[in-house]
PDB file of N, CA and C in Angstrom:
ATOM      1  N   UNK A   1      30.706  11.107   5.059  1.00  0.00           N
ATOM      2  CA  UNK A   1      29.726  11.798   4.533  1.00  0.00           C
ATOM      3  C   UNK A   1      28.583  11.953   5.949  1.00  0.00           C
ATOM      4  N   UNK A   2      28.124  12.460   6.354  1.00  0.00           N
ATOM      5  CA  UNK A   2      26.838  12.516   7.507  1.00  0.00           C
ATOM      6  C   UNK A   2      25.489  12.343   6.667  1.00  0.00           C
ATOM      7  N   UNK A   3      24.676  11.614   6.900  1.00  0.00           N
ATOM      8  CA  UNK A   3      23.143  11.164   6.601  1.00  0.00           C
ATOM      9  C   UNK A   3      22.350  11.356   7.940  1.00  0.00           C
ATOM     10  N   UNK A   4      21.528  12.695   7.139  1.00  0.00           N
ATOM     11  CA  UNK A   4      19.862  12.672   7.850  1.00  0.00           C
ATOM     12  C   UNK A   4      18.722  12.083   7.612  1.00  0.00           C
ATOM     13  N   UNK A   5      18.490  11.681   8.434  1.00  0.00           N
ATOM     14  CA  UNK A   5      17.403  10.587   8.043  1.00  0.00           C
ATOM     15  C   UNK A   5      16.143  11.085   7.847  1.00  0.00           C
ATOM     16  N   UNK A   6      15.313  11.535   7.092  1.00  0.00           N
ATOM     17  CA  UNK A   6      14.186  12.012   6.710  1.00  0.00           C
ATOM     18  C   UNK A   6      12.646  11.445   6.935  1.00  0.00           C
ATOM     19  N   UNK A   7      11.588  12.032   6.957  1.00  0.00           N
ATOM     20  CA  UNK A   7      10.335  10.976   6.867  1.00  0.00           C
ATOM     21  C   UNK A   7       9.803  11.482   5.088  1.00  0.00           C
ATOM     22  N   UNK A   8       9.710  10.588   4.176  1.00  0.00           N
ATOM     23  CA  UNK A   8       9.030  11.023   2.913  1.00  0.00           C
ATOM     24  C   UNK A   8       7.812  10.742   3.132  1.00  0.00           C
ATOM     25  N   UNK A   9       6.751  11.559   2.427  1.00  0.00           N
ATOM     26  CA  UNK A   9       5.103  10.981   2.188  1.00  0.00           C
ATOM     27  C   UNK A   9       4.910  11.181   0.682  1.00  0.00           C
ATOM     28  N   UNK A  10       4.573  10.119   0.581  1.00  0.00           N
ATOM     29  CA  UNK A  10       4.169  10.120  -1.309  1.00  0.00           C
ATOM     30  C   UNK A  10       2.440  10.036  -1.029  1.00  0.00           C
ATOM     31  N   UNK A  11       1.292  10.716  -2.176  1.00  0.00           N
ATOM     32  CA  UNK A  11       0.605  10.498  -2.252  1.00  0.00           C
ATOM     33  C   UNK A  11       0.465   9.938  -3.635  1.00  0.00           C
ATOM     34  N   UNK A  12      -0.373   8.898  -4.135  1.00  0.00           N
ATOM     35  CA  UNK A  12      -0.676   8.387  -5.733  1.00  0.00           C
ATOM     36  C   UNK A  12      -2.368   8.702  -5.650  1.00  0.00           C
ATOM     37  N   UNK A  13      -2.382   9.682  -6.683  1.00  0.00           N
ATOM     38  CA  UNK A  13      -3.531   9.908  -7.145  1.00  0.00           C
ATOM     39  C   UNK A  13      -3.822   9.532  -8.731  1.00  0.00           C
ATOM     40  N   UNK A  14      -4.927   8.786  -8.748  1.00  0.00           N
ATOM     41  CA  UNK A  14      -5.532   8.761 -10.229  1.00  0.00           C
ATOM     42  C   UNK A  14      -5.259  10.334 -11.407  1.00  0.00           C
ATOM     43  N   UNK A  15      -4.871   9.834 -12.409  1.00  0.00           N
ATOM     44  CA  UNK A  15      -4.528  10.997 -13.633  1.00  0.00           C
ATOM     45  C   UNK A  15      -6.046  11.007 -14.164  1.00  0.00           C
ATOM     46  N   UNK A  16      -7.017  11.551 -13.231  1.00  0.00           N
ATOM     47  CA  UNK A  16      -7.948  11.715 -14.420  1.00  0.00           C
ATOM     48  C   UNK A  16      -8.414  13.377 -14.985  1.00  0.00           C
ATOM     49  N   UNK A  17      -9.414  13.314 -15.607  1.00  0.00           N
ATOM     50  CA  UNK A  17      -9.205  14.678 -16.343  1.00  0.00           C
ATOM     51  C   UNK A  17     -10.372  15.877 -15.344  1.00  0.00           C
ATOM     52  N   UNK A  18     -11.354  15.004 -15.076  1.00  0.00           N
ATOM     53  CA  UNK A  18     -12.072  16.020 -13.832  1.00  0.00           C
ATOM     54  C   UNK A  18     -11.349  17.221 -13.005  1.00  0.00           C
ATOM     55  N   UNK A  19     -11.731  17.911 -13.049  1.00  0.00           N
ATOM     56  CA  UNK A  19     -11.385  19.220 -11.973  1.00  0.00           C
ATOM     57  C   UNK A  19     -11.183  19.206 -10.795  1.00  0.00           C
ATOM     58  N   UNK A  20     -11.949  17.921 -10.434  1.00  0.00           N
ATOM     59  CA  UNK A  20     -11.747  17.613  -8.948  1.00  0.00           C
ATOM     60  C   UNK A  20      -9.975  16.956  -8.665  1.00  0.00           C
ATOM     61  N   UNK A  21      -9.742  16.325  -9.407  1.00  0.00           N
ATOM     62  CA  UNK A  21      -8.456  15.767  -9.147  1.00  0.00           C
ATOM     63  C   UNK A  21      -7.442  16.831  -9.825  1.00  0.00           C
ATOM     64  N   UNK A  22      -7.706  17.714 -10.599  1.00  0.00           N
ATOM     65  CA  UNK A  22      -6.672  18.959 -10.875  1.00  0.00           C
ATOM     66  C   UNK A  22      -6.955  19.601  -9.769  1.00  0.00           C
ATOM     67  N   UNK A  23      -7.599  19.931  -8.877  1.00  0.00           N
ATOM     68  CA  UNK A  23      -7.723  20.796  -7.482  1.00  0.00           C
ATOM     69  C   UNK A  23      -7.000  20.372  -6.680  1.00  0.00           C
ATOM     70  N   UNK A  24      -7.321  19.055  -6.569  1.00  0.00           N
ATOM     71  CA  UNK A  24      -6.470  17.926  -5.428  1.00  0.00           C
ATOM     72  C   UNK A  24      -5.095  18.231  -5.546  1.00  0.00           C
ATOM     73  N   UNK A  25      -4.380  17.557  -6.717  1.00  0.00           N
ATOM     74  CA  UNK A  25      -3.464  17.643  -6.981  1.00  0.00           C
ATOM     75  C   UNK A  25      -2.629  19.123  -6.655  1.00  0.00           C
ATOM     76  N   UNK A  26      -3.264  20.346  -7.157  1.00  0.00           N
ATOM     77  CA  UNK A  26      -2.788  21.481  -6.451  1.00  0.00           C
ATOM     78  C   UNK A  26      -3.100  22.093  -5.273  1.00  0.00           C
ATOM     79  N   UNK A  27      -4.340  21.199  -4.568  1.00  0.00           N
ATOM     80  CA  UNK A  27      -3.892  21.839  -3.453  1.00  0.00           C
ATOM     81  C   UNK A  27      -2.978  20.764  -2.331  1.00  0.00           C
ATOM     82  N   UNK A  28      -2.644  19.902  -2.831  1.00  0.00           N
ATOM     83  CA  UNK A  28      -1.946  18.930  -1.968  1.00  0.00           C
ATOM     84  C   UNK A  28      -0.492  19.586  -2.366  1.00  0.00           C
ATOM     85  N   UNK A  29      -0.229  19.773  -3.771  1.00  0.00           N
ATOM     86  CA  UNK A  29       1.540  20.668  -3.819  1.00  0.00           C
ATOM     87  C   UNK A  29       1.007  22.246  -3.570  1.00  0.00           C
ATOM     88  N   UNK A  30       0.555  22.885  -3.139  1.00  0.00           N
ATOM     89  CA  UNK A  30       0.777  23.961  -2.253  1.00  0.00           C
ATOM     90  C   UNK A  30       0.726  23.367  -0.594  1.00  0.00           C
ATOM     91  N   UNK A  31      -0.101  22.752   0.229  1.00  0.00           N
ATOM     92  CA  UNK A  31       0.472  21.969   1.241  1.00  0.00           C
ATOM     93  C   UNK A  31       1.375  21.607   1.098  1.00  0.00           C
ATOM     94  N   UNK A  32       2.070  20.916   0.508  1.00  0.00           N
ATOM     95  CA  UNK A  32       3.200  19.966   0.739  1.00  0.00           C
ATOM     96  C   UNK A  32       4.668  21.479   0.456  1.00  0.00           C
ATOM     97  N   UNK A  33       4.102  22.106  -0.241  1.00  0.00           N
ATOM     98  CA  UNK A  33       5.192  23.376  -0.701  1.00  0.00           C
ATOM     99  C   UNK A  33       5.502  24.208   0.315  1.00  0.00           C
ATOM    100  N   UNK A  34       4.311  24.694   1.236  1.00  0.00           N
ATOM    101  CA  UNK A  34       4.390  25.538   2.081  1.00  0.00           C
ATOM    102  C   UNK A  34       4.730  24.795   3.756  1.00  0.00           C
ATOM    103  N   UNK A  35       4.097  23.511   4.154  1.00  0.00           N
ATOM    104  CA  UNK A  35       4.659  22.905   5.133  1.00  0.00           C
ATOM    105  C   UNK A  35       5.942  22.091   5.345  1.00  0.00           C
ATOM    106  N   UNK A  36       6.528  21.892   4.031  1.00  0.00           N
ATOM    107  CA  UNK A  36       7.902  21.052   4.348  1.00  0.00           C
ATOM    108  C   UNK A  36       8.879  21.546   3.234  1.00  0.00           C
ATOM    109  N   UNK A  37       8.690  23.052   2.116  1.00  0.00           N
ATOM    110  CA  UNK A  37       9.431  23.735   1.416  1.00  0.00           C
ATOM    111  C   UNK A  37       9.344  23.373   0.218  1.00  0.00           C
ATOM    112  N   UNK A  38       8.546  22.104  -0.341  1.00  0.00           N
ATOM    113  CA  UNK A  38       8.933  22.009  -1.290  1.00  0.00           C
ATOM    114  C   UNK A  38       8.337  20.228  -1.356  1.00  0.00           C
ATOM    115  N   UNK A  39       7.827  20.077  -3.360  1.00  0.00           N
ATOM    116  CA  UNK A  39       7.327  18.664  -3.115  1.00  0.00           C
ATOM    117  C   UNK A  39       7.812  18.241  -5.009  1.00  0.00           C
ATOM    118  N   UNK A  40       7.742  17.367  -5.181  1.00  0.00           N
ATOM    119  CA  UNK A  40       8.113  16.396  -6.418  1.00  0.00           C
ATOM    120  C   UNK A  40       6.544  15.793  -6.968  1.00  0.00           C
ATOM    121  N   UNK A  41       6.150  16.052  -8.052  1.00  0.00           N
ATOM    122  CA  UNK A  41       5.049  16.011  -9.063  1.00  0.00           C
ATOM    123  C   UNK A  41       5.373  15.047 -10.218  1.00  0.00           C
ATOM    124  N   UNK A  42       5.574  13.475 -10.150  1.00  0.00           N
ATOM    125  CA  UNK A  42       5.468  12.308 -11.311  1.00  0.00           C
ATOM    126  C   UNK A  42       4.386  12.475 -11.878  1.00  0.00           C
ATOM    127  N   UNK A  43       4.128  12.926 -13.084  1.00  0.00           N
ATOM    128  CA  UNK A  43       2.383  13.052 -13.700  1.00  0.00           C
ATOM    129  C   UNK A  43       2.698  11.760 -14.768  1.00  0.00           C
ATOM    130  N   UNK A  44       1.047  10.932 -15.053  1.00  0.00           N
ATOM    131  CA  UNK A  44       0.745  10.027 -15.801  1.00  0.00           C
ATOM    132  C   UNK A  44       2.021   8.919 -15.878  1.00  0.00           C
ATOM    133  N   UNK A  45       1.576   8.489 -14.780  1.00  0.00           N
ATOM    134  CA  UNK A  45       2.639   7.066 -14.440  1.00  0.00           C
ATOM    135  C   UNK A  45       1.752   5.970 -14.752  1.00  0.00           C
ATOM    136  N   UNK A  46       2.053   4.527 -15.254  1.00  0.00           N
ATOM    137  CA  UNK A  46       1.521   3.851 -15.803  1.00  0.00           C
ATOM    138  C   UNK A  46       1.136   2.827 -14.078  1.00  0.00           C
ATOM    139  N   UNK A  47       0.058   2.274 -14.032  1.00  0.00           N
ATOM    140  CA  UNK A  47      -0.456   1.950 -12.612  1.00  0.00           C
ATOM    141  C   UNK A  47      -1.837   0.395 -13.204  1.00  0.00           C
ATOM    142  N   UNK A  48      -1.444  -0.206 -11.789  1.00  0.00           N
ATOM    143  CA  UNK A  48      -2.491  -1.145 -11.935  1.00  0.00           C
ATOM    144  C   UNK A  48      -2.932  -1.420 -10.396  1.00  0.00           C
ATOM    145  N   UNK A  49      -4.415  -1.973 -10.448  1.00  0.00           N
ATOM    146  CA  UNK A  49      -4.781  -2.496  -8.757  1.00  0.00           C
ATOM    147  C   UNK A  49      -6.014  -3.102  -9.430  1.00  0.00           C
ATOM    148  N   UNK A  50      -6.209  -4.176  -8.047  1.00  0.00           N
ATOM    149  CA  UNK A  50      -7.242  -4.632  -8.580  1.00  0.00           C
ATOM    150  C   UNK A  50      -8.408  -4.496  -7.821  1.00  0.00           C
ATOM    151  N   UNK A  51      -9.767  -4.207  -8.317  1.00  0.00           N
ATOM    152  CA  UNK A  51     -10.818  -3.461  -8.258  1.00  0.00           C
ATOM    153  C   UNK A  51     -11.298  -4.356  -6.901  1.00  0.00           C
ATOM    154  N   UNK A  52     -12.139  -3.263  -6.306  1.00  0.00           N
ATOM    155  CA  UNK A  52     -13.024  -4.645  -4.735  1.00  0.00           C
ATOM    156  C   UNK A  52     -13.628  -6.082  -5.447  1.00  0.00           C
ATOM    157  N   UNK A  53     -13.659  -5.836  -6.786  1.00  0.00           N
ATOM    158  CA  UNK A  53     -14.245  -7.038  -7.585  1.00  0.00           C
ATOM    159  C   UNK A  53     -13.547  -8.277  -7.817  1.00  0.00           C
ATOM    160  N   UNK A  54     -12.308  -7.497  -7.804  1.00  0.00           N
ATOM    161  CA  UNK A  54     -11.255  -8.574  -7.628  1.00  0.00           C
ATOM    162  C   UNK A  54     -10.912  -8.251  -9.285  1.00  0.00           C
ATOM    163  N   UNK A  55     -11.304  -7.437 -10.109  1.00  0.00           N
ATOM    164  CA  UNK A  55     -10.880  -7.700 -11.644  1.00  0.00           C
ATOM    165  C   UNK A  55      -9.851  -6.477 -11.899  1.00  0.00           C
ATOM    166  N   UNK A  56      -8.394  -6.767 -12.406  1.00  0.00           N
ATOM    167  CA  UNK A  56      -7.166  -6.162 -12.369  1.00  0.00           C
ATOM    168  C   UNK A  56      -7.739  -4.744 -13.713  1.00  0.00           C
ATOM    169  N   UNK A  57      -7.279  -3.830 -13.469  1.00  0.00           N
ATOM    170  CA  UNK A  57      -8.040  -2.524 -13.700  1.00  0.00           C
ATOM    171  C   UNK A  57      -6.667  -1.883 -13.563  1.00  0.00           C
ATOM    172  N   UNK A  58      -5.946  -0.988 -15.034  1.00  0.00           N
ATOM    173  CA  UNK A  58      -4.888  -0.086 -15.671  1.00  0.00           C
ATOM    174  C   UNK A  58      -5.637   0.735 -14.821  1.00  0.00           C
ATOM    175  N   UNK A  59      -4.731   1.819 -14.566  1.00  0.00           N
ATOM    176  CA  UNK A  59      -4.829   3.543 -14.085  1.00  0.00           C
ATOM    177  C   UNK A  59      -3.741   4.077 -14.622  1.00  0.00           C
ATOM    178  N   UNK A  60      -3.827   5.423 -14.833  1.00  0.00           N
ATOM    179  CA  UNK A  60      -3.150   6.202 -14.836  1.00  0.00           C
ATOM    180  C   UNK A  60      -2.786   7.151 -13.300  1.00  0.00           C
ATOM    181  N   UNK A  61      -1.877   7.475 -13.016  1.00  0.00           N
ATOM    182  CA  UNK A  61      -1.330   7.921 -11.897  1.00  0.00           C
ATOM    183  C   UNK A  61      -0.531   9.406 -11.475  1.00  0.00           C
ATOM    184  N   UNK A  62      -0.907  10.040 -11.004  1.00  0.00           N
ATOM    185  CA  UNK A  62       0.233  10.720 -10.330  1.00  0.00           C
ATOM    186  C   UNK A  62       0.583  10.558  -9.673  1.00  0.00           C
ATOM    187  N   UNK A  63       1.996  10.777  -8.816  1.00  0.00           N
ATOM    188  CA  UNK A  63       2.739  10.225  -7.948  1.00  0.00           C
ATOM    189  C   UNK A  63       3.606  11.927  -7.106  1.00  0.00           C
ATOM    190  N   UNK A  64       2.864  12.068  -5.872  1.00  0.00           N
ATOM    191  CA  UNK A  64       2.965  13.579  -5.254  1.00  0.00           C
ATOM    192  C   UNK A  64       4.360  13.396  -4.330  1.00  0.00           C
ATOM    193  N   UNK A  65       5.020  13.716  -3.857  1.00  0.00           N
ATOM    194  CA  UNK A  65       6.010  13.631  -2.718  1.00  0.00           C
ATOM    195  C   UNK A  65       7.157  14.546  -1.654  1.00  0.00           C
ATOM    196  N   UNK A  66       7.176  14.153  -1.189  1.00  0.00           N
ATOM    197  CA  UNK A  66       8.110  15.320  -0.203  1.00  0.00           C
ATOM    198  C   UNK A  66       8.544  15.171   0.838  1.00  0.00           C
ATOM    199  N   UNK A  67       9.752  15.237   1.313  1.00  0.00           N
ATOM    200  CA  UNK A  67      10.840  15.257   2.305  1.00  0.00           C
ATOM    201  C   UNK A  67       9.967  15.911   3.459  1.00  0.00           C
ATOM    202  N   UNK A  68      10.129  15.317   4.865  1.00  0.00           N
ATOM    203  CA  UNK A  68       9.619  16.271   6.041  1.00  0.00           C
ATOM    204  C   UNK A  68      10.964  16.635   6.510  1.00  0.00           C
ATOM    205  N   UNK A  69      11.091  17.127   7.605  1.00  0.00           N
ATOM    206  CA  UNK A  69      12.457  17.324   7.743  1.00  0.00           C
ATOM    207  C   UNK A  69      12.456  17.074   9.531  1.00  0.00           C
ATOM    208  N   UNK A  70      11.168  15.418   9.698  1.00  0.00           N
ATOM    209  CA  UNK A  70      11.477  15.003  10.447  1.00  0.00           C
ATOM    210  C   UNK A  70      12.154  13.222  10.140  1.00  0.00           C
ATOM    211  N   UNK A  71      12.301  12.526  11.502  1.00  0.00           N
ATOM    212  CA  UNK A  71      13.146  11.009  11.143  1.00  0.00           C
ATOM    213  C   UNK A  71      11.564  10.566  11.238  1.00  0.00           C
ATOM    214  N   UNK A  72      11.110   9.518  10.667  1.00  0.00           N
ATOM    215  CA  UNK A  72       9.954   8.668  10.779  1.00  0.00           C
ATOM    216  C   UNK A  72      10.318   7.854  12.330  1.00  0.00           C
ATOM    217  N   UNK A  73      10.779   7.000  12.351  1.00  0.00           N
ATOM    218  CA  UNK A  73      11.064   6.623  13.514  1.00  0.00           C
ATOM    219  C   UNK A  73      10.586   7.471  15.050  1.00  0.00           C
ATOM    220  N   UNK A  74      11.150   8.432  14.958  1.00  0.00           N
ATOM    221  CA  UNK A  74      11.089   9.418  16.209  1.00  0.00           C
ATOM    222  C   UNK A  74      10.007  10.377  16.491  1.00  0.00           C
ATOM    223  N   UNK A  75       9.008  10.524  14.906  1.00  0.00           N
ATOM    224  CA  UNK A  75       7.967  11.014  15.012  1.00  0.00           C
ATOM    225  C   UNK A  75       6.982   9.980  14.259  1.00  0.00           C
ATOM    226  N   UNK A  76       6.477   8.962  14.481  1.00  0.00           N
ATOM    227  CA  UNK A  76       5.540   7.961  13.661  1.00  0.00           C
ATOM    228  C   UNK A  76       4.781   8.512  13.614  1.00  0.00           C
ATOM    229  N   UNK A  77       3.881   8.456  14.875  1.00  0.00           N
ATOM    230  CA  UNK A  77       2.503   8.706  15.170  1.00  0.00           C
ATOM    231  C   UNK A  77       2.241  10.200  14.911  1.00  0.00           C
ATOM    232  N   UNK A  78       2.927  10.781  15.211  1.00  0.00           N
ATOM    233  CA  UNK A  78       2.285  12.436  14.198  1.00  0.00           C
ATOM    234  C   UNK A  78       2.454  12.179  12.556  1.00  0.00           C
ATOM    235  N   UNK A  79       3.327  11.914  12.358  1.00  0.00           N
ATOM    236  CA  UNK A  79       2.976  11.691  11.046  1.00  0.00           C
ATOM    237  C   UNK A  79       2.313  10.661  10.174  1.00  0.00           C
ATOM    238  N   UNK A  80       2.045   9.727  10.827  1.00  0.00           N
ATOM    239  CA  UNK A  80       0.465   8.764  10.683  1.00  0.00           C
ATOM    240  C   UNK A  80      -0.507   9.445  10.899  1.00  0.00           C
ATOM    241  N   UNK A  81      -0.691  10.320  11.684  1.00  0.00           N
ATOM    242  CA  UNK A  81      -1.667  11.344  11.598  1.00  0.00           C
ATOM    243  C   UNK A  81      -1.591  12.048  10.672  1.00  0.00           C
ATOM    244  N   UNK A  82      -1.128  12.988  10.272  1.00  0.00           N
ATOM    245  CA  UNK A  82      -1.116  13.689   9.130  1.00  0.00           C
ATOM    246  C   UNK A  82      -1.057  12.749   7.799  1.00  0.00           C
ATOM    247  N   UNK A  83      -0.771  11.781   7.467  1.00  0.00           N
ATOM    248  CA  UNK A  83      -0.724  11.099   6.353  1.00  0.00           C
ATOM    249  C   UNK A  83      -2.170  10.345   6.110  1.00  0.00           C
ATOM    250  N   UNK A  84      -2.901   9.961   7.185  1.00  0.00           N
ATOM    251  CA  UNK A  84      -4.227   9.959   8.006  1.00  0.00           C
ATOM    252  C   UNK A  84      -4.750  10.593   7.405  1.00  0.00           C
ATOM    253  N   UNK A  85      -4.893  11.883   7.539  1.00  0.00           N
ATOM    254  CA  UNK A  85      -5.721  13.520   7.116  1.00  0.00           C
ATOM    255  C   UNK A  85      -5.671  13.634   5.772  1.00  0.00           C
ATOM    256  N   UNK A  86      -4.590  13.420   5.289  1.00  0.00           N
ATOM    257  CA  UNK A  86      -4.251  13.350   3.682  1.00  0.00           C
ATOM    258  C   UNK A  86      -5.049  12.399   3.303  1.00  0.00           C
ATOM    259  N   UNK A  87      -4.911  11.094   3.031  1.00  0.00           N
ATOM    260  CA  UNK A  87      -5.864  10.417   3.072  1.00  0.00           C
ATOM    261  C   UNK A  87      -7.076  10.644   3.314  1.00  0.00           C
ATOM    262  N   UNK A  88      -7.742  11.018   4.103  1.00  0.00           N
ATOM    263  CA  UNK A  88      -9.131  11.398   4.609  1.00  0.00           C
ATOM    264  C   UNK A  88      -9.615  12.416   3.309  1.00  0.00           C
ATOM    265  N   UNK A  89      -8.726  13.472   3.528  1.00  0.00           N
ATOM    266  CA  UNK A  89      -9.054  14.776   2.540  1.00  0.00           C
ATOM    267  C   UNK A  89      -9.446  14.018   1.482  1.00  0.00           C
ATOM    268  N   UNK A  90      -8.840  13.250   0.809  1.00  0.00           N
ATOM    269  CA  UNK A  90      -8.409  12.824  -0.790  1.00  0.00           C
ATOM    270  C   UNK A  90      -9.519  12.213  -1.163  1.00  0.00           C
ATOM    271  N   UNK A  91     -10.022  11.274   0.135  1.00  0.00           N
ATOM    272  CA  UNK A  91     -11.224  10.492  -0.316  1.00  0.00           C
ATOM    273  C   UNK A  91     -12.603  11.214  -0.408  1.00  0.00           C
ATOM    274  N   UNK A  92     -12.443  12.240   0.502  1.00  0.00           N
ATOM    275  CA  UNK A  92     -13.447  13.134   0.569  1.00  0.00           C
ATOM    276  C   UNK A  92     -13.661  14.121  -0.566  1.00  0.00           C
ATOM    277  N   UNK A  93     -12.764  14.149  -1.281  1.00  0.00           N
ATOM    278  CA  UNK A  93     -12.803  15.534  -2.469  1.00  0.00           C
ATOM    279  C   UNK A  93     -12.925  14.159  -3.664  1.00  0.00           C
ATOM    280  N   UNK A  94     -12.583  12.954  -3.756  1.00  0.00           N
ATOM    281  CA  UNK A  94     -12.705  12.329  -5.421  1.00  0.00           C
ATOM    282  C   UNK A  94     -13.846  11.352  -4.742  1.00  0.00           C
ATOM    283  N   UNK A  95     -14.119  10.360  -6.168  1.00  0.00           N
ATOM    284  CA  UNK A  95     -15.054   9.459  -6.020  1.00  0.00           C
ATOM    285  C   UNK A  95     -14.080   8.452  -6.126  1.00  0.00           C
ATOM    286  N   UNK A  96     -13.213   7.892  -5.107  1.00  0.00           N
ATOM    287  CA  UNK A  96     -12.443   6.572  -5.621  1.00  0.00           C
ATOM    288  C   UNK A  96     -12.611   5.694  -4.429  1.00  0.00           C
ATOM    289  N   UNK A  97     -12.301   4.411  -4.901  1.00  0.00           N
ATOM    290  CA  UNK A  97     -12.533   3.061  -3.858  1.00  0.00           C
ATOM    291  C   UNK A  97     -11.053   3.545  -2.593  1.00  0.00           C
ATOM    292  N   UNK A  98     -10.183   3.999  -3.373  1.00  0.00           N
ATOM    293  CA  UNK A  98      -8.761   3.871  -2.695  1.00  0.00           C
ATOM    294  C   UNK A  98      -7.982   4.670  -2.759  1.00  0.00           C
ATOM    295  N   UNK A  99      -7.253   5.686  -2.068  1.00  0.00           N
ATOM    296  CA  UNK A  99      -6.117   6.337  -2.096  1.00  0.00           C
ATOM    297  C   UNK A  99      -4.876   6.079  -1.491  1.00  0.00           C
ATOM    298  N   UNK A 100      -3.958   5.603  -2.125  1.00  0.00           N
ATOM    299  CA  UNK A 100      -2.623   5.181  -1.976  1.00  0.00           C
ATOM    300  C   UNK A 100      -1.887   6.531  -1.069  1.00  0.00           C
ATOM    301  N   UNK A 101      -1.462   6.741   0.579  1.00  0.00           N
ATOM    302  CA  UNK A 101      -0.828   7.237   1.051  1.00  0.00           C
ATOM    303  C   UNK A 101       0.277   6.723   2.017  1.00  0.00           C
ATOM    304  N   UNK A 102       1.741   6.931   1.640  1.00  0.00           N
ATOM    305  CA  UNK A 102       2.776   6.405   1.891  1.00  0.00           C
ATOM    306  C   UNK A 102       3.719   6.935   2.506  1.00  0.00           C
ATOM    307  N   UNK A 103       4.047   6.141   4.013  1.00  0.00           N
ATOM    308  CA  UNK A 103       4.960   7.259   4.700  1.00  0.00           C
ATOM    309  C   UNK A 103       6.728   5.900   4.473  1.00  0.00           C
ATOM    310  N   UNK A 104       7.981   6.674   4.250  1.00  0.00           N
ATOM    311  CA  UNK A 104       8.992   5.640   4.356  1.00  0.00           C
ATOM    312  C   UNK A 104      10.162   6.661   4.783  1.00  0.00           C
ATOM    313  N   UNK A 105      11.291   6.042   5.335  1.00  0.00           N
ATOM    314  CA  UNK A 105      12.461   6.657   5.919  1.00  0.00           C
ATOM    315  C   UNK A 105      13.317   6.765   4.660  1.00  0.00           C
ATOM    316  N   UNK A 106      13.566   7.739   4.742  1.00  0.00           N
ATOM    317  CA  UNK A 106      15.125   8.409   3.345  1.00  0.00           C
ATOM    318  C   UNK A 106      16.337   8.910   3.996  1.00  0.00           C
ATOM    319  N   UNK A 107      17.135   8.875   3.533  1.00  0.00           N
ATOM    320  CA  UNK A 107      18.142   9.648   4.003  1.00  0.00           C
ATOM    321  C   UNK A 107      18.945  10.569   3.515  1.00  0.00           C
ATOM    322  N   UNK A 108      19.357  11.705   3.752  1.00  0.00           N
ATOM    323  CA  UNK A 108      19.587  12.519   2.879  1.00  0.00           C
ATOM    324  C   UNK A 108      21.368  12.972   3.355  1.00  0.00           C
ATOM    325  N   UNK A 109      21.874  13.034   1.894  1.00  0.00           N
ATOM    326  CA  UNK A 109      23.331  13.102   2.259  1.00  0.00           C
ATOM    327  C   UNK A 109      23.395  14.802   2.685  1.00  0.00           C
ATOM    328  N   UNK A 110      24.274  15.260   3.878  1.00  0.00           N
ATOM    329  CA  UNK A 110      24.733  16.390   4.266  1.00  0.00           C
ATOM    330  C   UNK A 110      25.651  16.991   3.869  1.00  0.00           C
TER     331      UNK A 110
END
């Protein structure tokens, strides 16, 4: 069975009750849906991170991801720039220390 490599983009956002967080999640949902044909949102996940001052904090997060039609290794710089622009937009929209955007290769069965 042939496999095709795809680049997956994941964005981890805090699950906060503020309208800014809901608006950003909706905007990313639309961005991924119209750019890549769809996305998945896993809501209300339990997360942990170390704050800048070194204290461990519990955090509820939403994970939004989409698979692009591109292979990561052949389009790395272009996809990395796109991921950087997503992160910058998220940091501008929210009052957060950090936003995690992840790129990884996945393989789809054809």
